[in-house]
Amino acid sequence: MLHRLAIALLAFAPLTALAADVPEFTLTIQNHRYVPAELTIPANTKVKLIVVNKDPTAEEFESHELNREKVVAGGASINVYVGPLKAGRYPFFGDFNQATAQGVLIAR
């Protein structure tokens, strides 16, 4: 029984190592704005965006170029995986406050 458990754990070890290798970047929503408004990430690399909403109301992380749309409850956070992306600019916005919640990922 112990032998089978060890084999099962070893089978998942590569997945754990891969998850730990994904670079993480944080975006904050505060006063209906994304901070930072421009975030540079490495090109050709899958990344994890941690979107923290410090506002009491919900907001949405949306990007047509990234094909992402995810609501962030007030006072909560979400994870959004993007990439690998070619070098370039990838705009995103908050659908609930489009006039102010604007930003761009810059892949370099």
N, C-alpha and C. Protein backbone atom coordinates (compact mmCIF):
# COMPACT_ATOMS: atom_id res chain seq x y z
N MET A 1 0.83 -1.20 0.00
CA MET A 1 0.00 0.00 0.00
C MET A 1 0.87 1.26 0.00
N LEU A 2 1.87 1.30 0.85
CA LEU A 2 2.76 2.45 0.91
C LEU A 2 3.50 2.64 -0.40
N HIS A 3 3.88 1.55 -1.04
CA HIS A 3 4.57 1.60 -2.33
C HIS A 3 3.69 2.27 -3.38
N ARG A 4 2.40 1.93 -3.42
CA ARG A 4 1.47 2.52 -4.39
C ARG A 4 1.29 4.01 -4.15
N LEU A 5 1.23 4.40 -2.88
CA LEU A 5 1.10 5.81 -2.54
C LEU A 5 2.32 6.58 -3.01
N ALA A 6 3.51 6.04 -2.80
CA ALA A 6 4.74 6.70 -3.23
C ALA A 6 4.75 6.88 -4.75
N ILE A 7 4.32 5.87 -5.48
CA ILE A 7 4.28 5.96 -6.94
C ILE A 7 3.27 7.02 -7.37
N ALA A 8 2.12 7.08 -6.72
CA ALA A 8 1.10 8.07 -7.05
C ALA A 8 1.62 9.49 -6.79
N LEU A 9 2.30 9.69 -5.70
CA LEU A 9 2.85 11.02 -5.38
C LEU A 9 3.92 11.42 -6.38
N LEU A 10 4.76 10.50 -6.78
CA LEU A 10 5.79 10.80 -7.76
C LEU A 10 5.19 11.16 -9.11
N ALA A 11 4.06 10.58 -9.44
CA ALA A 11 3.40 10.88 -10.71
C ALA A 11 2.96 12.34 -10.78
N PHE A 12 2.60 12.93 -9.63
CA PHE A 12 2.13 14.32 -9.60
C PHE A 12 3.26 15.32 -9.34
N ALA A 13 4.44 14.89 -9.01
CA ALA A 13 5.55 15.78 -8.71
C ALA A 13 5.87 16.74 -9.85
N PRO A 14 5.90 16.29 -11.12
CA PRO A 14 6.19 17.24 -12.21
C PRO A 14 5.15 18.34 -12.32
N LEU A 15 3.88 18.06 -12.04
CA LEU A 15 2.85 19.08 -12.09
C LEU A 15 3.06 20.14 -11.02
N THR A 16 3.45 19.73 -9.84
CA THR A 16 3.73 20.66 -8.77
C THR A 16 4.92 21.55 -9.12
N ALA A 17 5.94 20.99 -9.69
CA ALA A 17 7.12 21.77 -10.07
C ALA A 17 6.77 22.78 -11.15
N LEU A 18 5.94 22.39 -12.11
CA LEU A 18 5.54 23.32 -13.16
C LEU A 18 4.74 24.48 -12.61
N ALA A 19 3.82 24.23 -11.71
CA ALA A 19 3.00 25.29 -11.13
C ALA A 19 3.86 26.29 -10.37
N ALA A 20 4.89 25.82 -9.71
CA ALA A 20 5.77 26.70 -8.94
C ALA A 20 6.65 27.56 -9.85
N ASP A 21 6.86 27.13 -11.08
CA ASP A 21 7.73 27.86 -12.00
C ASP A 21 7.03 28.99 -12.75
N VAL A 22 5.72 29.14 -12.60
CA VAL A 22 4.97 30.18 -13.29
C VAL A 22 5.18 31.51 -12.56
N PRO A 23 5.76 32.52 -13.25
CA PRO A 23 5.95 33.82 -12.59
C PRO A 23 4.61 34.46 -12.24
N GLU A 24 4.57 35.13 -11.09
CA GLU A 24 3.35 35.78 -10.61
C GLU A 24 3.51 37.29 -10.62
N PHE A 25 2.43 37.97 -11.01
CA PHE A 25 2.38 39.43 -11.03
C PHE A 25 1.06 39.87 -10.42
N THR A 26 1.08 40.97 -9.68
CA THR A 26 -0.13 41.44 -9.00
C THR A 26 -0.65 42.72 -9.62
N LEU A 27 -1.95 42.74 -9.88
CA LEU A 27 -2.68 43.94 -10.29
C LEU A 27 -3.66 44.25 -9.17
N THR A 28 -3.77 45.51 -8.81
CA THR A 28 -4.70 45.92 -7.76
C THR A 28 -5.75 46.83 -8.36
N ILE A 29 -6.98 46.62 -7.95
CA ILE A 29 -8.07 47.52 -8.32
C ILE A 29 -8.36 48.37 -7.09
N GLN A 30 -8.21 49.69 -7.26
CA GLN A 30 -8.45 50.61 -6.15
C GLN A 30 -9.01 51.90 -6.73
N ASN A 31 -10.10 52.39 -6.16
CA ASN A 31 -10.78 53.58 -6.66
C ASN A 31 -11.17 53.41 -8.13
N HIS A 32 -11.58 52.20 -8.48
CA HIS A 32 -12.03 51.86 -9.83
C HIS A 32 -10.95 52.05 -10.89
N ARG A 33 -9.70 51.85 -10.48
CA ARG A 33 -8.55 51.94 -11.39
C ARG A 33 -7.64 50.74 -11.17
N TYR A 34 -6.95 50.34 -12.23
CA TYR A 34 -5.95 49.28 -12.11
C TYR A 34 -4.61 49.89 -11.75
N VAL A 35 -3.95 49.31 -10.77
CA VAL A 35 -2.63 49.76 -10.34
C VAL A 35 -1.71 48.55 -10.33
N PRO A 36 -0.63 48.56 -11.10
CA PRO A 36 -0.24 49.60 -12.04
C PRO A 36 -1.10 49.55 -13.31
N ALA A 37 -1.20 50.68 -13.99
CA ALA A 37 -1.97 50.74 -15.23
C ALA A 37 -1.22 50.05 -16.37
N GLU A 38 0.10 49.98 -16.27
CA GLU A 38 0.93 49.25 -17.24
C GLU A 38 1.77 48.24 -16.47
N LEU A 39 1.68 46.99 -16.87
CA LEU A 39 2.42 45.92 -16.20
C LEU A 39 3.24 45.17 -17.23
N THR A 40 4.55 45.14 -17.03
CA THR A 40 5.44 44.44 -17.95
C THR A 40 5.64 43.01 -17.47
N ILE A 41 5.44 42.07 -18.40
CA ILE A 41 5.62 40.64 -18.12
C ILE A 41 6.57 40.07 -19.17
N PRO A 42 7.18 38.92 -18.89
CA PRO A 42 8.08 38.34 -19.89
C PRO A 42 7.31 37.76 -21.08
N ALA A 43 7.81 38.04 -22.27
CA ALA A 43 7.22 37.46 -23.48
C ALA A 43 7.51 35.97 -23.52
N ASN A 44 6.68 35.25 -24.24
CA ASN A 44 6.87 33.81 -24.46
C ASN A 44 6.90 33.00 -23.17
N THR A 45 6.19 33.48 -22.15
CA THR A 45 6.16 32.82 -20.85
C THR A 45 4.74 32.85 -20.30
N LYS A 46 4.25 31.73 -19.82
CA LYS A 46 2.96 31.71 -19.15
C LYS A 46 3.13 32.40 -17.80
N VAL A 47 2.19 33.28 -17.44
CA VAL A 47 2.27 33.99 -16.16
C VAL A 47 0.94 33.90 -15.43
N LYS A 48 1.02 34.10 -14.13
CA LYS A 48 -0.17 34.14 -13.27
C LYS A 48 -0.37 35.58 -12.82
N LEU A 49 -1.53 36.14 -13.15
CA LEU A 49 -1.89 37.47 -12.66
C LEU A 49 -2.77 37.29 -11.43
N ILE A 50 -2.39 37.93 -10.36
CA ILE A 50 -3.21 37.95 -9.15
C ILE A 50 -3.89 39.31 -9.15
N VAL A 51 -5.20 39.32 -9.31
CA VAL A 51 -5.96 40.56 -9.38
C VAL A 51 -6.66 40.75 -8.03
N VAL A 52 -6.25 41.79 -7.30
CA VAL A 52 -6.76 42.08 -5.96
C VAL A 52 -7.69 43.29 -6.05
N ASN A 53 -8.93 43.10 -5.66
CA ASN A 53 -9.90 44.19 -5.68
C ASN A 53 -10.03 44.79 -4.28
N LYS A 54 -9.48 45.98 -4.09
CA LYS A 54 -9.56 46.66 -2.80
C LYS A 54 -10.82 47.52 -2.67
N ASP A 55 -11.57 47.62 -3.75
CA ASP A 55 -12.83 48.37 -3.70
C ASP A 55 -13.92 47.51 -3.06
N PRO A 56 -14.95 48.13 -2.50
CA PRO A 56 -16.04 47.35 -1.89
C PRO A 56 -17.01 46.77 -2.93
N THR A 57 -16.91 47.24 -4.17
CA THR A 57 -17.82 46.76 -5.22
C THR A 57 -17.08 45.85 -6.20
N ALA A 58 -17.83 45.01 -6.86
CA ALA A 58 -17.25 44.08 -7.84
C ALA A 58 -16.69 44.83 -9.04
N GLU A 59 -15.71 44.22 -9.67
CA GLU A 59 -15.15 44.71 -10.93
C GLU A 59 -14.85 43.50 -11.78
N GLU A 60 -14.55 43.73 -13.02
CA GLU A 60 -14.27 42.63 -13.93
C GLU A 60 -12.92 42.85 -14.60
N PHE A 61 -12.14 41.78 -14.69
CA PHE A 61 -10.92 41.81 -15.49
C PHE A 61 -11.32 41.28 -16.86
N GLU A 62 -11.25 42.15 -17.86
CA GLU A 62 -11.67 41.74 -19.20
C GLU A 62 -10.65 42.20 -20.23
N SER A 63 -10.40 41.33 -21.21
CA SER A 63 -9.51 41.66 -22.31
C SER A 63 -9.89 40.84 -23.52
N HIS A 64 -10.23 41.54 -24.59
CA HIS A 64 -10.54 40.86 -25.84
C HIS A 64 -9.28 40.22 -26.42
N GLU A 65 -8.15 40.92 -26.34
CA GLU A 65 -6.89 40.42 -26.89
C GLU A 65 -6.38 39.18 -26.14
N LEU A 66 -6.66 39.11 -24.84
CA LEU A 66 -6.23 37.96 -24.04
C LEU A 66 -7.31 36.89 -23.95
N ASN A 67 -8.50 37.19 -24.46
CA ASN A 67 -9.63 36.26 -24.40
C ASN A 67 -9.94 35.87 -22.95
N ARG A 68 -10.01 36.88 -22.08
CA ARG A 68 -10.29 36.65 -20.67
C ARG A 68 -11.41 37.58 -20.21
N GLU A 69 -12.24 37.07 -19.31
CA GLU A 69 -13.32 37.84 -18.71
C GLU A 69 -13.66 37.17 -17.39
N LYS A 70 -13.34 37.85 -16.28
CA LYS A 70 -13.55 37.24 -14.97
C LYS A 70 -13.90 38.32 -13.95
N VAL A 71 -14.96 38.09 -13.19
CA VAL A 71 -15.42 39.05 -12.17
C VAL A 71 -14.60 38.86 -10.90
N VAL A 72 -14.26 40.01 -10.28
CA VAL A 72 -13.57 40.02 -8.99
C VAL A 72 -14.52 40.68 -7.99
N ALA A 73 -14.99 39.93 -7.02
CA ALA A 73 -15.88 40.49 -6.01
C ALA A 73 -15.16 41.58 -5.22
N GLY A 74 -15.92 42.50 -4.64
CA GLY A 74 -15.33 43.53 -3.79
C GLY A 74 -14.59 42.90 -2.62
N GLY A 75 -13.38 43.39 -2.36
CA GLY A 75 -12.57 42.88 -1.26
C GLY A 75 -12.01 41.49 -1.48
N ALA A 76 -12.03 41.00 -2.72
CA ALA A 76 -11.56 39.64 -3.02
C ALA A 76 -10.44 39.69 -4.05
N SER A 77 -9.93 38.51 -4.39
CA SER A 77 -8.91 38.41 -5.42
C SER A 77 -9.17 37.19 -6.29
N ILE A 78 -8.62 37.22 -7.49
CA ILE A 78 -8.72 36.11 -8.43
C ILE A 78 -7.35 35.86 -9.04
N ASN A 79 -7.19 34.70 -9.63
CA ASN A 79 -6.00 34.37 -10.40
C ASN A 79 -6.40 34.24 -11.86
N VAL A 80 -5.59 34.83 -12.73
CA VAL A 80 -5.82 34.75 -14.17
C VAL A 80 -4.50 34.33 -14.81
N TYR A 81 -4.51 33.23 -15.52
CA TYR A 81 -3.32 32.77 -16.22
C TYR A 81 -3.38 33.25 -17.67
N VAL A 82 -2.28 33.82 -18.14
CA VAL A 82 -2.18 34.27 -19.53
C VAL A 82 -0.86 33.80 -20.12
N GLY A 83 -0.86 33.71 -21.43
CA GLY A 83 0.37 33.39 -22.13
C GLY A 83 0.52 31.92 -22.40
N PRO A 84 1.67 31.65 -23.00
CA PRO A 84 2.74 32.57 -23.37
C PRO A 84 2.29 33.55 -24.45
N LEU A 85 2.72 34.80 -24.30
CA LEU A 85 2.35 35.87 -25.22
C LEU A 85 3.55 36.32 -26.04
N LYS A 86 3.30 36.64 -27.30
CA LYS A 86 4.33 37.25 -28.13
C LYS A 86 4.58 38.66 -27.60
N ALA A 87 5.74 39.21 -27.89
CA ALA A 87 6.04 40.58 -27.48
C ALA A 87 4.97 41.51 -28.04
N GLY A 88 4.49 42.42 -27.20
CA GLY A 88 3.46 43.35 -27.64
C GLY A 88 2.68 43.92 -26.47
N ARG A 89 1.63 44.65 -26.82
CA ARG A 89 0.77 45.30 -25.83
C ARG A 89 -0.60 44.64 -25.86
N TYR A 90 -1.13 44.34 -24.66
CA TYR A 90 -2.39 43.64 -24.51
C TYR A 90 -3.28 44.41 -23.54
N PRO A 91 -4.20 45.23 -24.06
CA PRO A 91 -5.05 46.03 -23.18
C PRO A 91 -6.05 45.17 -22.41
N PHE A 92 -6.41 45.66 -21.23
CA PHE A 92 -7.46 45.06 -20.42
C PHE A 92 -8.26 46.19 -19.77
N PHE A 93 -9.44 45.86 -19.27
CA PHE A 93 -10.28 46.90 -18.66
C PHE A 93 -11.23 46.26 -17.66
N GLY A 94 -11.82 47.12 -16.83
CA GLY A 94 -12.87 46.71 -15.92
C GLY A 94 -14.19 47.04 -16.57
N ASP A 95 -14.98 46.05 -16.85
CA ASP A 95 -16.23 46.26 -17.59
C ASP A 95 -17.23 47.11 -16.82
N PHE A 96 -17.17 47.12 -15.48
CA PHE A 96 -18.13 47.87 -14.68
C PHE A 96 -17.76 49.35 -14.55
N ASN A 97 -16.50 49.69 -14.81
CA ASN A 97 -16.03 51.08 -14.72
C ASN A 97 -15.06 51.34 -15.87
N GLN A 98 -15.57 51.24 -17.09
CA GLN A 98 -14.71 51.32 -18.27
C GLN A 98 -14.00 52.66 -18.43
N ALA A 99 -14.58 53.72 -17.91
CA ALA A 99 -13.96 55.04 -18.06
C ALA A 99 -12.66 55.16 -17.26
N THR A 100 -12.56 54.43 -16.15
CA THR A 100 -11.37 54.59 -15.30
C THR A 100 -10.54 53.30 -15.16
N ALA A 101 -11.17 52.15 -15.20
CA ALA A 101 -10.44 50.88 -14.98
C ALA A 101 -9.86 50.38 -16.30
N GLN A 102 -8.71 50.95 -16.66
CA GLN A 102 -8.03 50.62 -17.91
C GLN A 102 -6.59 50.25 -17.61
N GLY A 103 -6.06 49.31 -18.37
CA GLY A 103 -4.67 48.94 -18.20
C GLY A 103 -4.14 48.20 -19.42
N VAL A 104 -2.85 47.89 -19.37
CA VAL A 104 -2.23 47.17 -20.48
C VAL A 104 -1.12 46.27 -19.94
N LEU A 105 -1.08 45.04 -20.44
CA LEU A 105 0.06 44.15 -20.21
C LEU A 105 1.04 44.38 -21.33
N ILE A 106 2.29 44.54 -20.99
CA ILE A 106 3.34 44.71 -22.00
C ILE A 106 4.24 43.49 -21.92
N ALA A 107 4.22 42.68 -22.95
CA ALA A 107 5.06 41.49 -22.99
C ALA A 107 6.37 41.86 -23.69
N ARG A 108 7.49 41.64 -22.99
CA ARG A 108 8.83 41.94 -23.53
C ARG A 108 9.72 40.76 -23.36
